[in-house]
N, C-alpha and C. Protein backbone atom coordinates (compact mmCIF):
# COMPACT_ATOMS: atom_id res chain seq x y z
N MET A 1 164.20 -52.80 2.12
CA MET A 1 163.27 -53.95 1.61
C MET A 1 162.53 -53.31 1.09
N TYR A 2 162.27 -53.34 0.25
CA TYR A 2 160.22 -53.48 -0.32
C TYR A 2 159.52 -54.05 0.55
N SER A 3 158.59 -53.45 1.32
CA SER A 3 157.14 -53.84 1.99
C SER A 3 155.76 -54.81 0.93
N SER A 4 155.94 -55.33 1.80
CA SER A 4 154.70 -56.45 0.75
C SER A 4 153.67 -55.32 0.24
N PHE A 5 153.92 -54.81 0.29
CA PHE A 5 152.52 -53.57 0.23
C PHE A 5 152.79 -52.97 -0.95
N GLU A 6 154.20 -52.50 -1.43
CA GLU A 6 155.22 -52.29 -2.42
C GLU A 6 155.39 -53.43 -3.74
N THR A 7 156.06 -54.28 -2.69
CA THR A 7 155.80 -55.52 -4.12
C THR A 7 154.06 -55.84 -4.60
N GLU A 8 153.08 -55.53 -4.09
CA GLU A 8 151.51 -55.82 -4.49
C GLU A 8 151.48 -54.59 -5.13
N ASP A 9 152.10 -53.31 -5.02
CA ASP A 9 151.35 -52.20 -5.90
C ASP A 9 152.14 -52.54 -7.36
N PHE A 10 153.53 -52.74 -6.72
CA PHE A 10 153.88 -52.65 -8.66
C PHE A 10 153.44 -54.13 -9.26
N TRP A 11 153.02 -54.89 -9.10
CA TRP A 11 152.13 -56.56 -9.53
C TRP A 11 151.21 -55.89 -10.34
N ASP A 12 150.17 -54.96 -9.54
CA ASP A 12 149.25 -54.20 -9.88
C ASP A 12 149.39 -53.44 -10.97
N ASP A 13 150.30 -52.83 -10.88
CA ASP A 13 150.58 -51.36 -11.72
C ASP A 13 150.01 -51.41 -13.17
N GLU A 14 149.09 -51.99 -14.07
CA GLU A 14 149.13 -52.05 -15.29
C GLU A 14 149.20 -50.90 -16.29
N SER A 15 150.18 -49.27 -16.00
CA SER A 15 150.20 -48.43 -16.59
C SER A 15 151.20 -48.46 -17.65
N GLY A 16 151.37 -47.99 -19.04
CA GLY A 16 152.46 -49.26 -19.74
C GLY A 16 152.37 -49.59 -20.05
N MET A 17 150.81 -50.86 -20.19
CA MET A 17 150.11 -52.22 -20.86
C MET A 17 150.09 -51.87 -22.02
N GLY A 18 149.76 -50.47 -22.65
CA GLY A 18 149.23 -50.49 -24.32
C GLY A 18 150.31 -50.51 -24.78
N THR A 19 151.97 -49.85 -24.42
CA THR A 19 152.75 -50.26 -24.66
C THR A 19 153.25 -51.48 -25.07
N ILE A 20 153.31 -52.54 -24.23
CA ILE A 20 154.15 -53.35 -24.17
C ILE A 20 153.39 -54.92 -25.05
N GLU A 21 152.04 -54.12 -24.55
CA GLU A 21 151.24 -55.12 -26.55
C GLU A 21 151.83 -54.37 -27.17
N MET A 22 151.78 -53.35 -28.08
CA MET A 22 151.77 -53.12 -29.11
C MET A 22 153.72 -53.50 -29.60
N VAL A 23 154.41 -53.56 -28.76
CA VAL A 23 155.72 -53.58 -28.82
C VAL A 23 155.25 -55.30 -29.40
N LEU A 24 154.53 -56.21 -28.78
CA LEU A 24 155.05 -57.51 -28.85
C LEU A 24 153.79 -57.45 -30.43
N ILE A 25 153.36 -57.23 -30.26
CA ILE A 25 152.28 -57.28 -31.04
C ILE A 25 153.01 -56.97 -33.16
N ILE A 26 154.54 -55.67 -33.38
CA ILE A 26 155.09 -55.84 -33.24
C ILE A 26 156.28 -56.34 -33.98
N VAL A 27 156.68 -56.92 -32.78
CA VAL A 27 157.61 -57.82 -33.17
C VAL A 27 157.16 -59.51 -33.39
N VAL A 28 156.12 -59.87 -33.72
CA VAL A 28 154.99 -60.98 -33.45
C VAL A 28 155.13 -60.87 -35.42
N LEU A 29 154.37 -59.69 -36.64
CA LEU A 29 154.47 -59.82 -37.52
C LEU A 29 155.91 -59.63 -37.47
N ILE A 30 157.38 -58.54 -37.81
CA ILE A 30 158.29 -58.45 -38.01
C ILE A 30 158.67 -60.75 -37.46
N GLY A 31 158.88 -61.48 -36.90
CA GLY A 31 158.61 -62.07 -36.65
C GLY A 31 158.40 -63.96 -38.22
N LEU A 32 156.66 -62.42 -38.29
CA LEU A 32 155.82 -63.26 -39.35
C LEU A 32 157.07 -63.15 -41.24
N VAL A 33 157.49 -62.32 -40.93
CA VAL A 33 157.24 -61.89 -42.23
C VAL A 33 158.45 -62.15 -42.18
N VAL A 34 159.40 -62.55 -41.75
CA VAL A 34 161.24 -62.58 -41.62
C VAL A 34 160.54 -64.75 -42.84
N VAL A 35 160.16 -65.29 -40.99
CA VAL A 35 159.68 -66.84 -41.66
C VAL A 35 159.12 -66.88 -43.94
N PHE A 36 158.41 -66.10 -43.60
CA PHE A 36 156.98 -66.39 -44.93
C PHE A 36 158.00 -65.16 -46.06
N ARG A 37 158.93 -65.01 -45.91
CA ARG A 37 160.01 -63.75 -46.67
C ARG A 37 159.40 -63.85 -48.15
N SER A 38 160.05 -65.38 -48.20
CA SER A 38 159.60 -65.77 -49.91
C SER A 38 158.35 -66.29 -50.20
N GLY A 39 157.89 -66.20 -49.41
CA GLY A 39 156.17 -66.83 -50.10
C GLY A 39 155.69 -65.80 -50.26
N ILE A 40 155.90 -63.88 -49.76
CA ILE A 40 154.99 -63.10 -49.57
C ILE A 40 156.08 -62.17 -50.40
N THR A 41 157.06 -62.71 -50.82
CA THR A 41 157.87 -62.21 -52.83
C THR A 41 157.46 -62.68 -53.94
N THR A 42 156.78 -64.16 -53.15
CA THR A 42 155.93 -64.50 -55.07
C THR A 42 154.93 -63.93 -54.72
N LEU A 43 154.46 -63.99 -54.24
CA LEU A 43 153.58 -63.34 -53.69
C LEU A 43 152.51 -62.30 -54.74
N LEU A 44 153.87 -61.33 -53.89
CA LEU A 44 153.72 -60.24 -54.74
C LEU A 44 154.21 -60.07 -55.47
N ASN A 45 155.28 -60.87 -55.98
CA ASN A 45 155.54 -60.00 -57.70
C ASN A 45 154.21 -60.50 -58.22
N ASN A 46 153.77 -61.90 -58.07
CA ASN A 46 152.73 -62.51 -58.97
C ASN A 46 151.11 -61.49 -59.34
N ILE A 47 151.43 -61.05 -58.62
CA ILE A 47 150.30 -60.43 -58.21
C ILE A 47 150.74 -58.44 -59.26
N PHE A 48 152.24 -57.74 -58.65
CA PHE A 48 151.48 -56.85 -59.54
C PHE A 48 152.42 -57.05 -60.75
N GLY A 49 152.86 -58.29 -61.69
CA GLY A 49 153.35 -58.59 -62.59
C GLY A 49 151.58 -59.03 -63.35
N LYS A 50 150.45 -59.52 -62.76
CA LYS A 50 149.14 -59.22 -62.91
C LYS A 50 148.80 -58.39 -63.23
N ILE A 51 148.53 -56.98 -62.73
CA ILE A 51 148.37 -55.83 -62.54
C ILE A 51 149.08 -54.38 -63.60
N ASN A 52 150.54 -55.33 -63.71
CA ASN A 52 151.66 -54.79 -65.26
C ASN A 52 150.69 -55.61 -66.41
N SER A 53 150.42 -56.53 -66.81
CA SER A 53 150.04 -57.01 -67.81
C SER A 53 148.45 -56.52 -67.98
N LEU A 54 147.29 -56.19 -66.87
CA LEU A 54 146.39 -56.17 -67.28
C LEU A 54 145.68 -54.18 -66.99
N SER A 55 146.80 -53.42 -67.13
CA SER A 55 147.12 -52.29 -67.25
C SER A 55 147.81 -52.12 -68.59
N GLY A 56 148.62 -52.94 -68.96
CA GLY A 56 148.75 -52.60 -70.45
C GLY A 56 147.71 -52.60 -71.77
N GLU A 57 147.02 -53.77 -70.99
CA GLU A 57 145.83 -54.40 -71.91
C GLU A 57 144.31 -53.52 -72.10
N VAL A 58 144.11 -52.82 -70.72
CA VAL A 58 143.40 -51.67 -70.15
C VAL A 58 144.33 -49.97 -71.09
N TYR A 59 145.39 -50.10 -71.13
CA TYR A 59 146.27 -48.57 -71.69
C TYR A 59 146.19 -48.71 -73.40
N ASN A 60 146.33 -50.32 -73.84
CA ASN A 60 146.58 -50.77 -75.24
C ASN A 60 144.99 -50.62 -75.83
N ALA A 61 143.73 -50.32 -75.15
CA ALA A 61 142.25 -51.09 -75.61
C ALA A 61 141.98 -49.38 -76.55
N THR A 62 141.14 -49.94 -77.28
CA THR A 62 140.64 -48.71 -78.26
C THR A 62 139.29 -48.00 -77.90
N PRO A 63 139.59 -47.22 -77.81
CA PRO A 63 137.98 -46.96 -77.35
C PRO A 63 137.07 -47.10 -78.32
N GLY A 64 135.38 -47.12 -78.13
CA GLY A 64 134.06 -47.34 -78.30
C GLY A 64 134.31 -49.64 -78.72
N GLN A 65 135.40 -50.25 -77.81
CA GLN A 65 135.57 -51.72 -77.62
C GLN A 65 134.54 -52.39 -76.37
């Protein structure tokens, strides 16, 4: 059986806390992506559509204008 001293040492041990925090942040980010997937897809499609149309304007522009 564990003594109360060993139990307190276990609960006070903070080694590995950085790893746990990073894993929790990644889990939350993945959850947000899953929840807002359709909104993110629409937003990115709109952004890339504008980039494509504006790049076509720049590409087709004649020098001196």
